[in-house]
Every structure is written in structure tokens, then in C-alpha cells.
N, C-alpha and C. Protein backbone atom coordinates (compact mmCIF):
# COMPACT_ATOMS: atom_id res chain seq x y z
N UNK A 1 1.05 -1.23 0.28
CA UNK A 1 0.33 -0.29 -0.38
C UNK A 1 0.65 1.19 0.55
N UNK A 2 2.21 1.02 0.86
CA UNK A 2 2.61 2.24 0.60
C UNK A 2 3.74 2.36 -0.47
N UNK A 3 3.67 1.16 -1.17
CA UNK A 3 4.30 1.73 -2.19
C UNK A 3 3.66 2.01 -3.47
N UNK A 4 2.49 1.47 -3.65
CA UNK A 4 1.68 1.98 -4.51
C UNK A 4 1.18 3.59 -4.04
N UNK A 5 0.99 4.04 -2.59
CA UNK A 5 0.86 5.56 -2.37
C UNK A 5 2.23 6.21 -3.37
N UNK A 6 3.06 5.99 -2.80
CA UNK A 6 4.77 7.10 -2.88
C UNK A 6 4.63 6.90 -5.01
N UNK A 7 4.35 5.23 -5.46
CA UNK A 7 4.38 5.88 -7.04
C UNK A 7 3.13 6.67 -7.33
N UNK A 8 1.87 6.36 -6.69
CA UNK A 8 0.98 7.72 -7.39
C UNK A 8 1.07 9.21 -7.13
N UNK A 9 1.93 9.36 -6.12
CA UNK A 9 2.29 10.67 -5.95
C UNK A 9 3.41 11.35 -6.57
N UNK A 10 4.30 10.16 -7.24
CA UNK A 10 5.47 10.30 -7.97
C UNK A 10 5.02 10.78 -9.45
N UNK A 11 3.91 9.93 -9.42
CA UNK A 11 3.19 10.23 -11.13
C UNK A 11 2.38 11.61 -10.87
N UNK A 12 1.50 11.59 -9.92
CA UNK A 12 0.76 13.09 -9.92
C UNK A 12 1.76 14.07 -9.96
N UNK A 13 2.92 13.84 -9.77
CA UNK A 13 3.80 15.36 -9.45
C UNK A 13 4.63 15.14 -10.12
N UNK A 14 4.59 14.54 -11.16
CA UNK A 14 6.10 14.41 -12.18
C UNK A 14 6.35 15.46 -13.18
N UNK A 15 5.25 16.28 -13.41
CA UNK A 15 5.37 17.61 -13.89
C UNK A 15 5.77 18.76 -13.10
N UNK A 16 5.39 18.74 -11.97
CA UNK A 16 5.56 19.93 -10.92
C UNK A 16 6.91 20.39 -11.17
N UNK A 17 8.34 19.75 -11.02
CA UNK A 17 9.00 20.34 -11.07
C UNK A 17 10.47 19.16 -11.27
N UNK A 18 11.69 19.23 -11.35
CA UNK A 18 13.10 18.89 -11.52
C UNK A 18 13.38 18.46 -10.56
N UNK A 19 13.13 19.04 -9.62
CA UNK A 19 13.36 19.03 -8.33
C UNK A 19 12.73 18.23 -7.73
N UNK A 20 12.87 17.34 -7.27
CA UNK A 20 12.08 15.94 -6.09
C UNK A 20 11.80 16.56 -5.04
N UNK A 21 12.92 17.37 -4.44
CA UNK A 21 12.21 18.34 -3.23
C UNK A 21 10.87 19.06 -3.03
N UNK A 22 10.78 19.61 -3.77
CA UNK A 22 9.81 20.22 -4.13
C UNK A 22 8.03 19.40 -3.72
N UNK A 23 8.07 18.44 -4.43
CA UNK A 23 6.60 17.80 -4.58
C UNK A 23 7.02 16.86 -3.29
N UNK A 24 8.29 16.50 -2.32
CA UNK A 24 7.87 15.70 -1.40
C UNK A 24 8.12 16.65 -0.13
N UNK A 25 8.41 17.94 -0.36
CA UNK A 25 7.47 19.41 0.97
C UNK A 25 6.05 19.32 0.91
N UNK A 26 5.84 19.66 -0.57
CA UNK A 26 4.13 19.44 -0.58
C UNK A 26 3.44 17.77 -0.01
N UNK A 27 4.10 16.84 -0.45
CA UNK A 27 3.49 15.84 -0.04
C UNK A 27 3.59 15.76 1.65
N UNK A 28 4.59 15.92 2.62
CA UNK A 28 4.30 16.32 3.85
C UNK A 28 3.79 17.35 4.54
N UNK A 29 3.42 18.21 4.15
CA UNK A 29 2.49 19.48 4.15
C UNK A 29 1.25 19.11 4.58
N UNK A 30 0.53 20.34 5.46
CA UNK A 30 -0.82 19.81 5.98
C UNK A 30 -1.21 21.45 5.86
N UNK A 31 -2.40 21.68 4.82
CA UNK A 31 -2.93 23.20 4.33
C UNK A 31 -4.59 22.92 5.32
N UNK A 32 -4.87 24.14 6.15
CA UNK A 32 -6.05 23.92 6.55
C UNK A 32 -7.30 25.13 5.49
N UNK A 33 -8.75 24.78 5.61
CA UNK A 33 -9.24 25.38 4.88
C UNK A 33 -10.33 25.77 5.49
N UNK A 34 -10.61 26.88 5.73
CA UNK A 34 -11.92 27.50 6.85
C UNK A 34 -12.75 28.32 5.62
N UNK A 35 -13.94 27.20 4.82
CA UNK A 35 -14.61 27.25 3.78
C UNK A 35 -14.45 26.45 2.86
N UNK A 36 -15.61 26.24 2.42
CA UNK A 36 -15.60 25.05 1.23
C UNK A 36 -16.01 25.35 0.20
N UNK A 37 -16.96 26.99 0.02
CA UNK A 37 -17.46 27.22 -1.68
C UNK A 37 -16.67 27.15 -2.43
N UNK A 38 -16.72 28.63 -3.11
CA UNK A 38 -15.94 29.33 -4.69
C UNK A 38 -14.48 29.32 -4.14
N UNK A 39 -14.21 29.58 -2.85
CA UNK A 39 -13.18 29.89 -2.61
C UNK A 39 -11.98 28.57 -2.56
N UNK A 40 -12.31 28.18 -1.11
CA UNK A 40 -12.08 27.17 -0.33
C UNK A 40 -12.08 25.59 -1.13
N UNK A 41 -13.38 25.33 -1.94
CA UNK A 41 -13.59 24.09 -2.96
C UNK A 41 -11.99 24.16 -4.17
N UNK A 42 -11.91 25.20 -4.86
CA UNK A 42 -11.19 25.19 -5.90
C UNK A 42 -9.85 25.49 -5.11
N UNK A 43 -9.65 26.31 -4.15
CA UNK A 43 -7.87 26.24 -3.64
C UNK A 43 -7.57 24.72 -3.56
N UNK A 44 -8.64 24.00 -2.90
CA UNK A 44 -8.24 22.39 -1.50
C UNK A 44 -8.33 21.54 -3.24
N UNK A 45 -8.95 21.89 -5.08
CA UNK A 45 -8.69 21.43 -5.78
C UNK A 45 -7.29 21.20 -6.51
N UNK A 46 -6.78 22.94 -6.55
CA UNK A 46 -5.55 23.04 -6.84
C UNK A 46 -4.44 21.98 -5.94
N UNK A 47 -4.72 22.56 -4.55
CA UNK A 47 -3.76 21.48 -3.61
C UNK A 47 -3.74 20.33 -4.17
N UNK A 48 -4.84 19.54 -3.90
CA UNK A 48 -4.48 18.22 -4.13
C UNK A 48 -4.26 18.28 -5.42
N UNK A 49 -3.97 18.58 -6.76
CA UNK A 49 -3.93 17.67 -8.06
C UNK A 49 -2.37 18.54 -7.72
N UNK A 50 -1.57 19.71 -6.61
CA UNK A 50 -0.54 19.91 -6.70
C UNK A 50 0.27 18.87 -6.05
N UNK A 51 -0.37 18.11 -5.54
CA UNK A 51 0.05 16.46 -4.73
C UNK A 51 0.51 17.18 -3.06
N UNK A 52 -0.27 18.28 -2.70
CA UNK A 52 -0.21 18.41 -1.04
C UNK A 52 -0.53 16.91 -0.64
N UNK A 53 -0.03 16.52 0.90
CA UNK A 53 -0.48 15.71 1.20
C UNK A 53 -1.88 15.56 2.39
N UNK A 54 -2.07 16.51 3.09
CA UNK A 54 -3.23 16.48 4.14
C UNK A 54 -3.63 17.82 4.11
N UNK A 55 -5.38 17.67 3.59
CA UNK A 55 -5.55 18.50 4.20
C UNK A 55 -6.62 18.69 5.15
N UNK A 56 -6.81 19.96 5.64
CA UNK A 56 -8.14 20.10 7.21
C UNK A 56 -8.80 20.91 6.20
N UNK A 57 -10.61 20.26 5.73
CA UNK A 57 -11.18 21.23 5.39
C UNK A 57 -12.91 21.60 6.31
N UNK A 58 -13.26 22.89 6.01
CA UNK A 58 -14.24 22.79 7.44
C UNK A 58 -15.23 23.62 6.45
N UNK A 59 -16.47 23.19 6.64
CA UNK A 59 -17.74 24.02 6.27
C UNK A 59 -19.14 23.45 6.96
N UNK A 60 -19.76 24.36 7.65
CA UNK A 60 -21.64 23.47 8.21
C UNK A 60 -22.09 23.60 6.85
N UNK A 61 -22.28 24.21 5.33
CA UNK A 61 -23.01 24.19 4.86
C UNK A 61 -23.55 23.24 4.10
N UNK A 62 -24.40 22.92 3.33
CA UNK A 62 -25.11 21.95 2.35
C UNK A 62 -24.77 22.46 1.21
N UNK A 63 -24.60 21.64 -0.16
CA UNK A 63 -24.51 21.92 -1.38
C UNK A 63 -26.08 22.24 -1.96
N UNK A 64 -26.22 23.60 -2.36
CA UNK A 64 -27.19 23.98 -3.19
C UNK A 64 -26.95 24.14 -4.92
N UNK A 65 -27.53 24.06 -5.59
CA UNK A 65 -27.83 24.42 -7.09
C UNK A 65 -26.99 25.51 -7.55
N UNK A 66 -27.30 26.58 -6.81
CA UNK A 66 -26.55 27.85 -7.19
C UNK A 66 -24.96 27.86 -6.70
N UNK A 67 -24.58 27.15 -6.14
CA UNK A 67 -23.23 26.56 -5.68
C UNK A 67 -22.47 26.02 -6.86
N UNK A 68 -23.21 25.37 -7.69
CA UNK A 68 -22.52 25.09 -9.30
C UNK A 68 -21.98 26.17 -9.88
N UNK A 69 -22.52 27.52 -9.77
CA UNK A 69 -21.84 27.88 -11.09
C UNK A 69 -20.44 28.44 -10.41
N UNK A 70 -20.02 27.92 -9.15
CA UNK A 70 -18.38 28.13 -9.17
C UNK A 70 -17.74 27.45 -8.21
N UNK A 71 -18.39 26.69 -7.52
CA UNK A 71 -17.75 25.80 -6.42
C UNK A 71 -17.43 24.08 -7.46
N UNK A 72 -16.05 23.93 -6.52
CA UNK A 72 -15.96 22.48 -7.09
C UNK A 72 -16.87 21.24 -6.49
N UNK A 73 -17.91 21.23 -7.27
CA UNK A 73 -19.27 20.13 -6.88
C UNK A 73 -19.85 20.21 -8.28
N UNK A 74 -20.50 19.01 -8.01
CA UNK A 74 -21.58 18.84 -8.74
C UNK A 74 -22.95 18.57 -8.52
N UNK A 75 -23.95 17.66 -9.60
CA UNK A 75 -25.27 18.07 -9.40
C UNK A 75 -25.46 17.09 -8.05
N UNK A 76 -24.98 15.54 -8.28
CA UNK A 76 -25.25 14.82 -7.74
C UNK A 76 -24.40 15.03 -5.97
N UNK A 77 -23.94 15.96 -5.69
CA UNK A 77 -23.56 16.44 -4.26
C UNK A 77 -25.00 17.16 -3.98
N UNK A 78 -25.77 17.71 -4.39
CA UNK A 78 -26.68 18.69 -4.04
C UNK A 78 -27.22 18.10 -3.23
N UNK A 79 -27.47 18.59 -1.85
CA UNK A 79 -27.93 18.34 -0.78
C UNK A 79 -26.65 18.20 0.38
N UNK A 80 -25.85 17.22 0.08
CA UNK A 80 -24.39 16.72 0.73
C UNK A 80 -24.22 17.85 1.35
N UNK A 81 -23.69 17.67 2.68
CA UNK A 81 -22.64 18.56 3.38
C UNK A 81 -21.56 19.09 2.44
N UNK A 82 -21.22 20.55 2.33
CA UNK A 82 -20.04 20.88 1.73
C UNK A 82 -18.52 20.34 1.83
N UNK A 83 -18.50 19.84 3.19
CA UNK A 83 -17.20 19.30 3.57
C UNK A 83 -17.12 17.54 3.15
N UNK A 84 -17.90 17.09 3.32
CA UNK A 84 -18.22 15.50 2.57
C UNK A 84 -18.01 15.50 1.55
N UNK A 85 -18.55 16.48 0.83
CA UNK A 85 -18.53 16.31 -0.86
C UNK A 85 -17.85 16.67 -1.37
N UNK A 86 -16.77 17.69 -1.12
CA UNK A 86 -15.39 18.11 -1.35
C UNK A 86 -14.72 16.74 -0.81
N UNK A 87 -14.81 16.65 0.13
CA UNK A 87 -13.89 15.38 0.48
C UNK A 87 -13.88 13.87 -0.67
N UNK A 88 -15.33 13.81 -1.02
CA UNK A 88 -15.52 12.86 -1.89
C UNK A 88 -14.89 13.16 -3.71
N UNK A 89 -15.00 14.25 -3.63
CA UNK A 89 -14.73 14.82 -5.71
C UNK A 89 -13.04 14.62 -4.97
N UNK A 90 -12.05 15.69 -3.85
CA UNK A 90 -10.60 15.81 -3.54
C UNK A 90 -9.96 13.59 -4.21
N UNK A 91 -10.80 13.25 -3.67
CA UNK A 91 -10.77 11.75 -3.34
C UNK A 91 -10.64 11.01 -4.94
N UNK A 92 -11.68 11.68 -5.60
CA UNK A 92 -11.32 11.20 -7.17
C UNK A 92 -10.24 11.30 -7.89
N UNK A 93 -9.25 13.07 -7.27
CA UNK A 93 -8.31 13.24 -8.15
C UNK A 93 -7.34 12.31 -7.74
N UNK A 94 -7.34 12.59 -5.92
CA UNK A 94 -6.01 11.72 -5.20
C UNK A 94 -6.24 10.83 -3.98
N UNK A 95 -6.80 9.92 -4.82
CA UNK A 95 -7.02 8.45 -3.67
C UNK A 95 -6.45 8.26 -2.34
N UNK A 96 -5.30 8.98 -2.38
CA UNK A 96 -3.79 8.49 -1.01
C UNK A 96 -3.84 9.96 -0.31
N UNK A 97 -4.69 11.35 -0.73
CA UNK A 97 -4.39 11.93 -0.02
C UNK A 97 -5.00 11.93 1.26
N UNK A 98 -5.03 12.79 2.77
CA UNK A 98 -5.05 12.56 3.65
C UNK A 98 -5.99 13.32 4.08
N UNK A 99 -7.48 13.91 4.29
CA UNK A 99 -8.40 14.68 4.24
C UNK A 99 -9.67 14.69 5.76
N UNK A 100 -8.86 15.60 6.75
CA UNK A 100 -10.06 15.40 7.63
C UNK A 100 -11.04 16.68 7.40
N UNK A 101 -12.42 15.87 7.58
CA UNK A 101 -13.26 17.06 7.28
C UNK A 101 -14.36 17.48 8.52
N UNK A 102 -14.60 18.74 8.69
CA UNK A 102 -15.56 19.35 9.86
C UNK A 102 -16.84 19.79 8.76
N UNK A 103 -17.96 19.41 9.43
CA UNK A 103 -19.33 19.61 9.23
C UNK A 103 -19.89 20.62 9.88
N UNK A 104 -19.35 21.41 11.02
CA UNK A 104 -19.66 22.09 11.73
C UNK A 104 -19.11 23.55 12.00
N UNK A 105 -19.78 24.75 12.41
CA UNK A 105 -19.75 26.07 11.81
C UNK A 105 -18.14 26.37 12.60
N UNK A 106 -17.06 26.63 12.22
CA UNK A 106 -15.97 27.83 12.88
C UNK A 106 -16.25 28.79 13.26
N UNK A 107 -15.61 28.91 14.68
CA UNK A 107 -16.05 29.37 15.68
C UNK A 107 -14.71 30.01 16.49
N UNK A 108 -14.46 30.89 17.08
CA UNK A 108 -13.68 31.22 18.11
C UNK A 108 -13.06 29.70 18.69
N UNK A 109 -14.22 29.39 18.86
CA UNK A 109 -13.77 28.18 20.07
C UNK A 109 -13.13 27.03 19.58
N UNK A 110 -13.45 26.90 18.48
CA UNK A 110 -13.26 25.81 17.60
C UNK A 110 -11.86 25.55 16.55
N UNK A 111 -11.79 26.69 16.27
CA UNK A 111 -10.48 27.29 15.35
C UNK A 111 -9.43 26.35 15.16
N UNK A 112 -9.01 26.40 17.06
CA UNK A 112 -7.39 25.73 17.16
C UNK A 112 -7.64 25.01 17.12
N UNK A 113 -8.35 24.21 17.51
CA UNK A 113 -8.34 22.88 17.26
C UNK A 113 -8.38 21.92 16.15
N UNK A 114 -9.32 22.39 15.14
CA UNK A 114 -9.34 22.39 13.46
C UNK A 114 -8.09 22.58 12.97
N UNK A 115 -7.58 23.58 13.23
CA UNK A 115 -5.98 23.67 12.47
C UNK A 115 -5.02 23.71 13.37
N UNK A 116 -5.06 23.41 14.12
CA UNK A 116 -3.60 23.18 14.96
C UNK A 116 -2.19 22.83 13.99
N UNK A 117 -3.17 21.95 13.09
CA UNK A 117 -1.33 20.78 12.87
C UNK A 117 -1.40 21.23 11.17
N UNK A 118 -2.32 22.60 11.11
CA UNK A 118 -1.73 23.52 9.48
C UNK A 118 -0.52 24.24 9.94
N UNK A 119 0.64 23.96 8.63
CA UNK A 119 1.54 25.26 8.29
C UNK A 119 0.75 26.40 8.00
N UNK A 120 -0.13 25.99 7.25
CA UNK A 120 -0.96 27.31 6.41
C UNK A 120 -2.27 27.55 6.39
N UNK A 121 -3.20 27.78 6.83
CA UNK A 121 -4.82 28.15 6.25
C UNK A 121 -4.93 29.16 5.92
N UNK A 122 -5.93 28.75 5.04
CA UNK A 122 -6.87 29.49 4.05
C UNK A 122 -8.24 29.69 4.09
N UNK A 123 -8.10 31.54 4.04
CA UNK A 123 -9.40 31.95 4.42
C UNK A 123 -10.50 31.93 3.34
N UNK A 124 -11.48 31.02 3.53
CA UNK A 124 -12.59 31.09 2.40
C UNK A 124 -14.08 31.31 2.38
N UNK A 125 -14.09 32.48 3.47
CA UNK A 125 -15.34 32.89 3.68
C UNK A 125 -15.98 34.44 2.75
N UNK A 126 -17.57 34.00 2.54
CA UNK A 126 -18.32 35.09 1.92
C UNK A 126 -18.30 36.33 3.09
N UNK A 127 -18.44 36.04 4.26
CA UNK A 127 -19.06 36.57 5.37
C UNK A 127 -18.23 37.48 5.81
N UNK A 128 -18.24 38.67 5.94
CA UNK A 128 -17.10 39.64 6.22
C UNK A 128 -17.08 39.55 7.56
N UNK A 129 -17.86 38.92 8.74
CA UNK A 129 -17.50 39.09 10.21
C UNK A 129 -16.84 37.43 10.56
N UNK A 130 -16.83 36.70 9.44
CA UNK A 130 -16.56 35.08 9.57
C UNK A 130 -14.90 35.77 9.07
N UNK A 131 -15.05 36.38 8.10
CA UNK A 131 -13.52 36.93 7.69
C UNK A 131 -12.81 37.62 8.95
N UNK A 132 -13.52 38.80 9.54
CA UNK A 132 -12.85 39.37 10.94
C UNK A 132 -12.56 38.18 12.12
N UNK A 133 -13.27 37.36 12.06
CA UNK A 133 -13.00 36.72 13.56
C UNK A 133 -11.86 35.37 13.17
N UNK A 134 -11.74 35.15 12.41
CA UNK A 134 -10.38 34.16 11.84
C UNK A 134 -9.16 34.71 11.94
N UNK A 135 -9.64 36.02 11.43
CA UNK A 135 -8.20 36.74 11.52
C UNK A 135 -7.73 37.57 12.49
N UNK A 136 -8.99 37.65 13.38
CA UNK A 136 -8.86 38.31 14.92
C UNK A 136 -8.08 37.27 15.49
N UNK A 137 -8.75 35.93 15.23
CA UNK A 137 -8.17 35.00 16.05
C UNK A 137 -6.85 34.41 15.91
N UNK A 138 -6.50 34.83 14.47
CA UNK A 138 -5.27 34.02 13.89
C UNK A 138 -3.81 35.22 14.60
N UNK A 139 -4.41 36.83 14.80
CA UNK A 139 -3.42 37.14 15.63
C UNK A 139 -3.65 37.44 17.21
N UNK A 140 -4.58 37.02 17.68
CA UNK A 140 -4.36 36.51 19.15
C UNK A 140 -3.98 35.33 19.52
N UNK A 141 -4.12 34.40 19.02
CA UNK A 141 -4.32 33.11 19.29
C UNK A 141 -2.78 32.60 19.07
N UNK A 142 -1.81 32.32 20.11
CA UNK A 142 -0.45 32.04 20.15
C UNK A 142 -0.21 30.98 19.05
N UNK A 143 -1.21 29.74 19.19
CA UNK A 143 -1.27 28.79 17.95
C UNK A 143 -0.84 29.17 17.03
N UNK A 144 -1.37 30.41 16.87
CA UNK A 144 -1.22 30.57 14.76
C UNK A 144 0.04 31.22 14.60
N UNK A 145 1.26 31.52 15.79
CA UNK A 145 2.01 32.38 15.97
C UNK A 145 3.11 32.04 14.53
N UNK A 146 3.10 30.97 13.93
CA UNK A 146 4.12 30.33 13.41
C UNK A 146 3.35 29.32 11.83
N UNK A 147 2.46 29.87 11.95
CA UNK A 147 1.78 29.89 10.71
C UNK A 147 1.23 31.03 9.73
N UNK A 148 0.77 30.21 8.34
CA UNK A 148 0.35 31.78 7.35
C UNK A 148 -1.06 31.40 7.64
N UNK A 149 -1.38 32.78 7.36
CA UNK A 149 -2.71 32.72 6.87
C UNK A 149 -3.19 33.36 5.41
N UNK A 150 -3.85 32.81 4.19
CA UNK A 150 -4.09 33.35 3.21
C UNK A 150 -5.75 33.95 3.11
N UNK A 151 -5.93 35.24 2.94
CA UNK A 151 -6.97 35.56 2.65
C UNK A 151 -7.68 36.56 1.46
N UNK A 152 -8.74 36.30 1.47
CA UNK A 152 -9.27 36.96 0.04
C UNK A 152 -9.95 38.04 0.63
N UNK A 153 -10.21 39.32 -0.57
CA UNK A 153 -10.73 39.99 -0.38
C UNK A 153 -11.05 40.79 -1.62
N UNK A 154 -12.15 41.05 -2.41
CA UNK A 154 -12.25 41.80 -3.53
C UNK A 154 -12.36 40.60 -4.86
N UNK A 155 -13.26 39.77 -5.39
CA UNK A 155 -13.39 39.10 -6.29
C UNK A 155 -14.58 38.62 -6.86
N UNK A 156 -15.64 39.62 -6.77
CA UNK A 156 -16.96 39.75 -7.54
C UNK A 156 -17.15 40.06 -8.86
N UNK A 157 -18.06 39.86 -9.21
CA UNK A 157 -18.25 40.43 -10.91
C UNK A 157 -17.19 40.09 -11.74
N UNK A 158 -17.56 41.13 -12.73
CA UNK A 158 -16.30 40.31 -14.04
C UNK A 158 -15.34 41.53 -14.48
N UNK A 159 -14.70 42.60 -13.38
CA UNK A 159 -13.99 43.30 -13.69
C UNK A 159 -12.74 42.58 -14.35
N UNK A 160 -11.67 43.54 -14.41
CA UNK A 160 -10.40 42.54 -15.38
C UNK A 160 -9.89 42.13 -14.35
N UNK A 161 -9.84 40.94 -14.72
CA UNK A 161 -8.89 39.62 -14.03
C UNK A 161 -7.55 40.09 -13.62
N UNK A 162 -6.87 40.92 -14.65
CA UNK A 162 -5.64 41.95 -14.00
C UNK A 162 -5.72 42.69 -12.53
N UNK A 163 -6.98 42.33 -12.09
CA UNK A 163 -6.96 43.90 -11.27
C UNK A 163 -6.51 42.95 -9.50
N UNK A 164 -6.84 41.66 -9.77
CA UNK A 164 -6.48 40.49 -9.23
C UNK A 164 -5.00 40.25 -8.60
N UNK A 165 -4.54 40.53 -7.38
CA UNK A 165 -3.10 40.12 -7.29
C UNK A 165 -3.18 39.75 -5.63
N UNK A 166 -2.15 39.76 -5.36
CA UNK A 166 -1.88 38.73 -3.86
C UNK A 166 -0.82 39.99 -3.08
N UNK A 167 -0.62 39.95 -1.75
CA UNK A 167 -0.27 41.38 -1.42
C UNK A 167 0.51 40.58 0.09
N UNK A 168 1.05 41.39 0.59
CA UNK A 168 1.79 40.53 1.61
C UNK A 168 1.58 41.79 2.71
N UNK A 169 0.52 41.17 3.71
CA UNK A 169 -0.58 42.14 4.70
C UNK A 169 0.39 42.39 5.87
N UNK A 170 1.37 41.48 6.19
CA UNK A 170 2.42 41.16 7.73
C UNK A 170 3.13 39.87 7.21
N UNK A 171 3.84 39.47 8.22
CA UNK A 171 4.72 38.78 8.03
C UNK A 171 4.70 37.15 7.59
N UNK A 172 3.08 36.87 8.39
CA UNK A 172 2.35 35.53 7.89
C UNK A 172 1.42 35.85 7.43
N UNK A 173 0.50 37.20 6.98
CA UNK A 173 -0.93 37.26 6.27
C UNK A 173 -0.34 37.52 4.78
N UNK A 174 -1.44 37.18 4.31
CA UNK A 174 -1.55 37.31 2.76
C UNK A 174 -2.79 37.46 2.54
N UNK A 175 -3.14 38.45 1.77
CA UNK A 175 -4.10 38.56 1.01
C UNK A 175 -4.89 38.76 -0.43
N UNK A 176 -5.21 38.00 -1.17
CA UNK A 176 -5.82 37.70 -2.90
C UNK A 176 -6.87 38.54 -2.87
N UNK A 177 -7.22 39.30 -3.97
CA UNK A 177 -8.12 40.01 -4.30
C UNK A 177 -7.90 41.18 -5.50
N UNK A 178 -9.03 41.75 -5.54
CA UNK A 178 -8.81 43.49 -5.94
C UNK A 178 -8.89 44.47 -5.04
N UNK A 179 -9.83 43.73 -3.84
CA UNK A 179 -9.23 44.27 -2.44
C UNK A 179 -11.05 45.49 -2.77
N UNK A 180 -11.55 45.24 -3.70
CA UNK A 180 -12.65 46.46 -3.86
C UNK A 180 -13.77 45.50 -3.87
N UNK A 181 -14.02 45.14 -5.26
CA UNK A 181 -15.04 44.54 -5.51
C UNK A 181 -15.78 42.88 -4.83
N UNK A 182 -16.32 43.88 -3.32
CA UNK A 182 -17.15 42.53 -2.40
C UNK A 182 -18.15 41.68 -3.16
N UNK A 183 -17.95 40.55 -3.16
CA UNK A 183 -18.82 39.25 -3.54
C UNK A 183 -20.22 40.35 -2.69
N UNK A 184 -20.86 40.80 -1.72
CA UNK A 184 -21.40 40.97 -0.85
C UNK A 184 -22.14 42.56 -1.31
N UNK A 185 -21.44 43.37 -2.38
CA UNK A 185 -21.64 44.62 -2.83
C UNK A 185 -22.28 44.65 -3.76
N UNK A 186 -23.12 44.08 -4.14
CA UNK A 186 -24.15 44.46 -5.80
C UNK A 186 -23.28 43.43 -6.73
N UNK A 187 -22.16 42.99 -7.01
CA UNK A 187 -21.28 43.09 -7.65
C UNK A 187 -21.28 41.21 -8.65
N UNK A 188 -22.28 40.97 -7.55
CA UNK A 188 -22.42 39.36 -7.76
C UNK A 188 -21.04 38.46 -7.77
N UNK A 189 -21.22 37.20 -7.98
CA UNK A 189 -20.74 36.24 -8.01
C UNK A 189 -20.33 35.16 -9.27
N UNK A 190 -19.06 35.55 -9.90
CA UNK A 190 -19.24 34.49 -11.22
C UNK A 190 -18.11 33.86 -11.34
N UNK A 191 -18.00 32.80 -11.47
CA UNK A 191 -16.68 31.79 -11.63
C UNK A 191 -15.35 32.08 -12.17
N UNK A 192 -14.80 33.27 -13.16
CA UNK A 192 -14.03 33.14 -13.68
C UNK A 192 -13.04 33.63 -12.42
N UNK A 193 -13.60 35.23 -11.83
CA UNK A 193 -12.50 35.62 -10.84
C UNK A 193 -12.44 34.83 -9.51
N UNK A 194 -13.75 34.05 -9.27
CA UNK A 194 -13.66 33.34 -8.01
C UNK A 194 -12.32 32.39 -8.22
N UNK A 195 -12.51 31.84 -9.21
CA UNK A 195 -11.40 30.90 -9.61
C UNK A 195 -9.87 31.51 -10.02
N UNK A 196 -10.11 32.86 -10.41
CA UNK A 196 -8.77 33.19 -10.49
C UNK A 196 -8.09 33.58 -8.57
N UNK A 197 -8.73 34.26 -8.03
CA UNK A 197 -8.97 34.36 -6.61
C UNK A 197 -7.84 33.24 -6.06
N UNK A 198 -8.93 32.48 -6.43
CA UNK A 198 -8.54 30.82 -5.38
C UNK A 198 -7.55 30.27 -5.97
N UNK A 199 -6.86 30.54 -7.09
CA UNK A 199 -5.62 30.17 -7.95
C UNK A 199 -4.76 30.71 -7.54
N UNK A 200 -4.92 32.14 -6.68
CA UNK A 200 -3.65 33.13 -6.21
C UNK A 200 -3.73 32.84 -4.66
N UNK A 201 -4.58 32.27 -4.16
CA UNK A 201 -4.30 31.70 -2.95
C UNK A 201 -4.11 30.40 -2.95
N UNK A 202 -4.11 29.55 -3.63
CA UNK A 202 -3.32 28.29 -4.14
C UNK A 202 -1.50 28.05 -4.32
N UNK A 203 -1.33 28.98 -5.20
CA UNK A 203 -0.62 29.49 -5.83
C UNK A 203 0.83 30.04 -4.38
N UNK A 204 0.02 30.92 -3.52
CA UNK A 204 1.10 31.58 -2.59
C UNK A 204 0.86 30.16 -1.65
N UNK A 205 0.29 29.90 -1.14
CA UNK A 205 0.16 28.47 -0.32
C UNK A 205 1.20 27.87 -0.34
N UNK A 206 1.58 27.15 -1.92
CA UNK A 206 2.65 26.82 -2.19
C UNK A 206 3.80 27.21 -2.00
N UNK A 207 4.04 28.46 -2.60
CA UNK A 207 5.56 29.07 -2.62
C UNK A 207 5.42 28.85 -0.51
N UNK A 208 5.14 28.97 -0.19
CA UNK A 208 5.35 29.65 1.22
C UNK A 208 5.76 27.73 1.52
N UNK A 209 5.14 26.95 1.52
CA UNK A 209 5.52 25.50 1.56
C UNK A 209 6.88 24.86 0.92
N UNK A 210 7.08 25.36 0.07
CA UNK A 210 8.05 25.61 -0.16
C UNK A 210 9.43 26.40 -0.24
N UNK A 211 9.24 27.10 0.57
CA UNK A 211 10.29 27.93 0.80
C UNK A 211 10.06 29.71 0.71
N UNK A 212 9.70 29.84 -0.17
CA UNK A 212 9.38 31.29 -0.58
C UNK A 212 8.05 32.66 0.39
N UNK A 213 8.83 33.20 0.41
CA UNK A 213 7.58 34.07 1.35
C UNK A 213 7.59 35.28 0.66
N UNK A 214 7.55 35.52 -0.41
CA UNK A 214 7.06 36.74 -1.13
C UNK A 214 6.30 36.25 -2.17
N UNK A 215 4.97 37.30 -2.51
CA UNK A 215 4.15 36.85 -3.21
C UNK A 215 4.83 37.02 -5.00
């Protein structure tokens, strides 16, 4: 079984880099994803395809039809808990990835317990209050002092994709988006810009896990 797992990871990641240590670092890494919607599900998909070995995903919501315009779900997932449906879909890409899924709502009380073993945590919330909660908890909680937080702000509508970028907000906090077009601000939420922002987050996670600390 171990040989099959190693062989699968080698095959999955053989196009990643000529440097074998690059893929080995990803395979040994754990990433937490707070929210399994448009950002979180697509970040998880990208990290799974890139060869990250362990994910911790959390979302209390269920899949509905309107999610399918931008989230990594299918019609047969409708009605299922997002965290469980996402886990199943990711396992279809890499059956050997380790995924811990939580279907409870993320709160300041359980945040640390959910993501204590993650090296990087992706904030993938729609709600501004939830975004503030995870950032404030990250800043206040000593458990997170050596971890990275990847946030998103501004990915609504169909404005130019070139406006979306990743900035280094502080030593361990990075933010991706255009910082203007809130999905709750009347811009709507359409697949392309959501996926671009998710790709920015996933790419920054990979850079951090492999030793790069600048966007």
C-alpha cells in the first residue's frame, strides 16, 4: 500500500518540478481550509492536484444548485454537506491524500482545534464577520504564531482579471483579490474571478510551503 501511494504521488507530481524535493515538501505538508465554497473548494482542488499530502477542510453548509456556478461540486452533490462532498471529490483526484473534514460551523472556540496541525490556513469565507473572526483569532492566538494565513478580499463581478493580485499584509498574512469588488456589494459572483482568486491563494500556499515568502 505504501509503495502504491508513493508511486501515485510521483506520477501525480512528475510535471511539478525537476527538483524532487519540491514535491516531497508538498506531500509532507498540511493545509487548513476554512470554508468549502467558491474559494475553498477550488483552493482544495488545486492543492490536491499539486500533491499536497494532507488537508483539513471545514464548512457547516450543504451544497445547493446555485453553488455549481463557481464551486467544485456536481449535481449529485446537491443536499450533501459541503465538507463531505468536497472530500469525496478530492479523493477522486488523489485517493491517497489525507483529508480531515469538519461539518461544524467554525467559531473562535473550535478554530484552534480544527487547524492546529496546519502549516498554512486559507480563509475562504463570504461573510465579512467570519473573515474578521478568523483574522482576529489568528492574531490573538499563540497557536497560530508560526502559521501562515491566506485571505481573500474583492473577487466579485466581471472586472478585469488583471486587477486581482496577492499582497503581503504582514509577515504571516497574505491577501488575494482586487480589494474592492465585494461579492456582497452588488457585484455578483461569477466563476472566472472566483477561480482566479482561488488560484492566487493556492499558488501562494505552495510558494510558502516550498520556502518562498514573497508574493
